[in-house]
């Protein structure tokens, strides 16, 4: 059958798939917008446009969808790939339930194995039959999609594409005000999968979130991407070589998922237990983030670097930076120490039109003393917000206290 006719007939088979994909896009937009609202409430400004983050999620999701759909179409005859509308419906219903429990679980990496286990349980119940039950071929097909989506999403994180990192202030274990990055990357993935000679449209979802306290945010996301790509490879390898029975398929689905959960938790525990890196230095002012389209961004200031001097003036506080810039607003020259301890000198004439801010978010200092509780990125849902109304329960959960300063920590 001609590929164009296959796509046309597939679209008529499941007209609801584009609607589900649209809902996924709106959900991702709401998540990114919520992160930007948090930035404004804590820092008094936004670091970037949530529409830009959302657009990157859409583009990278489309790239993953095209590669995954094309790969499955090429190997469909070798592995008896068999998708169905019933499988899509079950997957979407499970994703909805997982979103209500914890948004971080709304991922094909979790939904795929859970759906397979639920169907396997129903298969062993005596005298129980239902028309939407998944066959062996459909479970195997779901496993291929699950592994392929994880592999491609993990590779994107390794390349560090589409990452969103929101700087905030938190209280460390020792009661010290420190900087931290909240990380999130969500990707709705549209797919066209072969079914009875046509290409059936469907949509799946992948996502990852976390926080970076004691390591550079890009490095942490790359480490998590390696774990996700590894588990994706394990799923694909198991489905290729071990997929001879439903039991083997369940083992192939569940064991890599447990490995993924374990690795991601290890990375997060290590990041939590190690010493914070975004803390106030003994000399100078440490950069937490540079505002988009600001002099600091143009100068290439990066998180963790320390500004020692502006001109010939030593700086140790936001007030020192304001004072040093006012001395020569036509041109600013900085002495900066990078994260490796090496010094460099940079400058810009961007202040020629008059005094202006440098455009950096600095790590918090001792003047930062007001606290604000925020919800985890992964718990954006009405169930969690209802539960968190009780302040005693919220305290028992042990969320981080995020600080909002009276004095804006940006220059």
Foldseek 3Di string as FASTA:
>chain_A
DDQVVQAVVQCVQDVCQVVLLVVLLVVQLVLLVVLQVVLCQFQVHGQDDSVVLSVQQAVLLAVLQVVLQVVCVVCCVVLVAAEDPLNQVQLSVQLVVVLQVWQQCSALLNSLLVVLVVLVVQVPPPPGDDPSRDDLNHNLNSLLSNLSSLQSQLVCLLVPGSKDWRKFWFQAPVRAIFIKTKIKRKHKHWHFHDHPSHTHIHIGIHMDIAMAFADDPSVLSNQLSVLSNVLSVQSNVQSVPVSPDSVSNSCSSPVSSVSSVVSNVVSRVVRRPDHGQQHQDPFAFFFQFFGPPFQCVVQPRDHNKGWQDKPNFGDRAPVSVLVSCVVPQQKIKTWMQHPVRDIDITMDRVSNVHHDFRGTQTIDDPQFDAWAFDDRSGNPHPNVVVQVVPVVSVVVVPGTITTRGPDNRGD
